[in-house]
Protein backbone atom coordinates (compact mmCIF):
# COMPACT_ATOMS: atom_id res chain seq x y z
CA UNK A 1 8.88 0.23 6.27
CA UNK A 2 6.77 1.05 3.19
CA UNK A 3 5.05 4.44 2.47
CA UNK A 4 1.65 3.75 0.98
CA UNK A 5 0.19 6.90 -0.85
CA UNK A 6 -3.77 6.68 -0.76
CA UNK A 7 -6.15 8.12 -3.20
CA UNK A 8 -8.25 10.86 -1.59
CA UNK A 9 -11.29 8.69 -1.09
CA UNK A 10 -9.50 6.19 1.29
CA UNK A 11 -8.36 9.30 3.68
CA UNK A 12 -11.27 9.13 5.89
CA UNK A 13 -10.38 5.59 6.88
CA UNK A 14 -6.89 6.23 8.04
CA UNK A 15 -7.49 9.26 10.22
CA UNK A 16 -7.52 11.66 7.08
CA UNK A 17 -3.98 10.71 6.37
CA UNK A 18 -2.69 10.80 2.87
CA UNK A 19 0.48 8.52 3.33
CA UNK A 20 0.63 5.55 5.95
CA UNK A 21 3.53 3.48 6.71
CA UNK A 22 3.40 -0.15 7.30
CA UNK A 23 5.95 -3.11 7.53
CA UNK A 24 5.83 -5.27 4.56
CA UNK A 25 8.01 -6.92 1.89
CA UNK A 26 5.31 -7.89 -0.65
CA UNK A 27 1.98 -6.31 -1.87
CA UNK A 28 0.14 -8.84 -0.04
CA UNK A 29 1.88 -8.16 3.12
CA UNK A 30 1.43 -4.35 2.56
CA UNK A 31 -2.42 -4.85 2.35
CA UNK A 32 -2.60 -7.06 5.23
CA UNK A 33 -0.70 -4.82 7.30
CA UNK A 34 -3.11 -1.89 6.03
CA UNK A 35 -6.15 -3.72 7.25
CA UNK A 36 -4.65 -4.83 10.47
CA UNK A 37 -3.82 -1.10 11.32
CA UNK A 38 -6.92 0.33 9.68
CA UNK A 39 -9.79 -2.36 9.87
CA UNK A 40 -12.21 0.07 7.99
CA UNK A 41 -10.03 -0.30 4.88
CA UNK A 42 -10.92 -4.20 4.68
CA UNK A 43 -14.12 -3.86 2.37
CA UNK A 44 -12.52 -1.43 0.19
CA UNK A 45 -9.43 -3.57 -0.27
CA UNK A 46 -11.57 -6.93 -0.79
CA UNK A 47 -13.65 -4.96 -3.36
CA UNK A 48 -10.38 -4.82 -5.40
CA UNK A 49 -7.90 -1.79 -5.73
CA UNK A 50 -4.91 -1.17 -7.97
CA UNK A 51 -1.47 -1.05 -6.69
CA UNK A 52 1.40 0.87 -8.35
CA UNK A 53 5.02 0.40 -7.50
CA UNK A 54 7.19 3.11 -8.98
CA UNK A 55 4.58 3.84 -11.51
CA UNK A 56 3.97 0.11 -12.79
CA UNK A 57 0.47 -1.40 -11.68
CA UNK A 58 0.89 -5.00 -10.17
CA UNK A 59 -1.87 -7.68 -9.50
CA UNK A 60 -0.13 -10.19 -7.66
CA UNK A 61 0.11 -10.41 -3.90
CA UNK A 62 3.49 -11.83 -4.00
CA UNK A 63 5.10 -9.00 -5.73
CA UNK A 64 8.15 -7.62 -3.96
CA UNK A 65 8.16 -4.04 -2.50
CA UNK A 66 11.79 -3.15 -2.61
CA UNK A 67 13.09 -0.33 -0.38
CA UNK A 68 12.69 3.32 -1.39
CA UNK A 69 9.99 2.98 -4.27
CA UNK A 70 6.80 4.80 -4.49
CA UNK A 71 3.74 2.83 -3.72
CA UNK A 72 0.19 4.03 -4.49
CA UNK A 73 -3.12 2.57 -3.81
CA UNK A 74 -5.80 3.61 -6.27
CA UNK A 75 -9.38 2.81 -7.52
CA UNK A 76 -9.20 -0.71 -9.15
CA UNK A 77 -8.17 0.24 -13.09
CA UNK A 78 -10.15 -1.95 -15.50
CA UNK A 79 -9.04 -2.73 -18.98
CA UNK A 80 -11.42 -2.50 -22.05
C-alpha cells in the first residue's frame, strides 16, 4: 500500500481525507488507482500535478515507489 498525501485543494474530491491509500508500485499505477478509487480526481490529474517521493519531484509514470516512502501530490510545479 502507498500512502498518498494530498494538497488541501484535493481533499474535497476524496471525502475530505488528507491521506489516501492505494495499491501501487509505480507513480503511474498510483495515479491510475487514485482515479479508480476517486473518479473526481481525474480532471485534476489529467491537467498535470507534481509527485514528490521522499522529497524529490518525479515526472515519469514508470518511477517505482519503494515501500515506506513519503508520497505527496501537489499543484504542478513549473520551472522558470
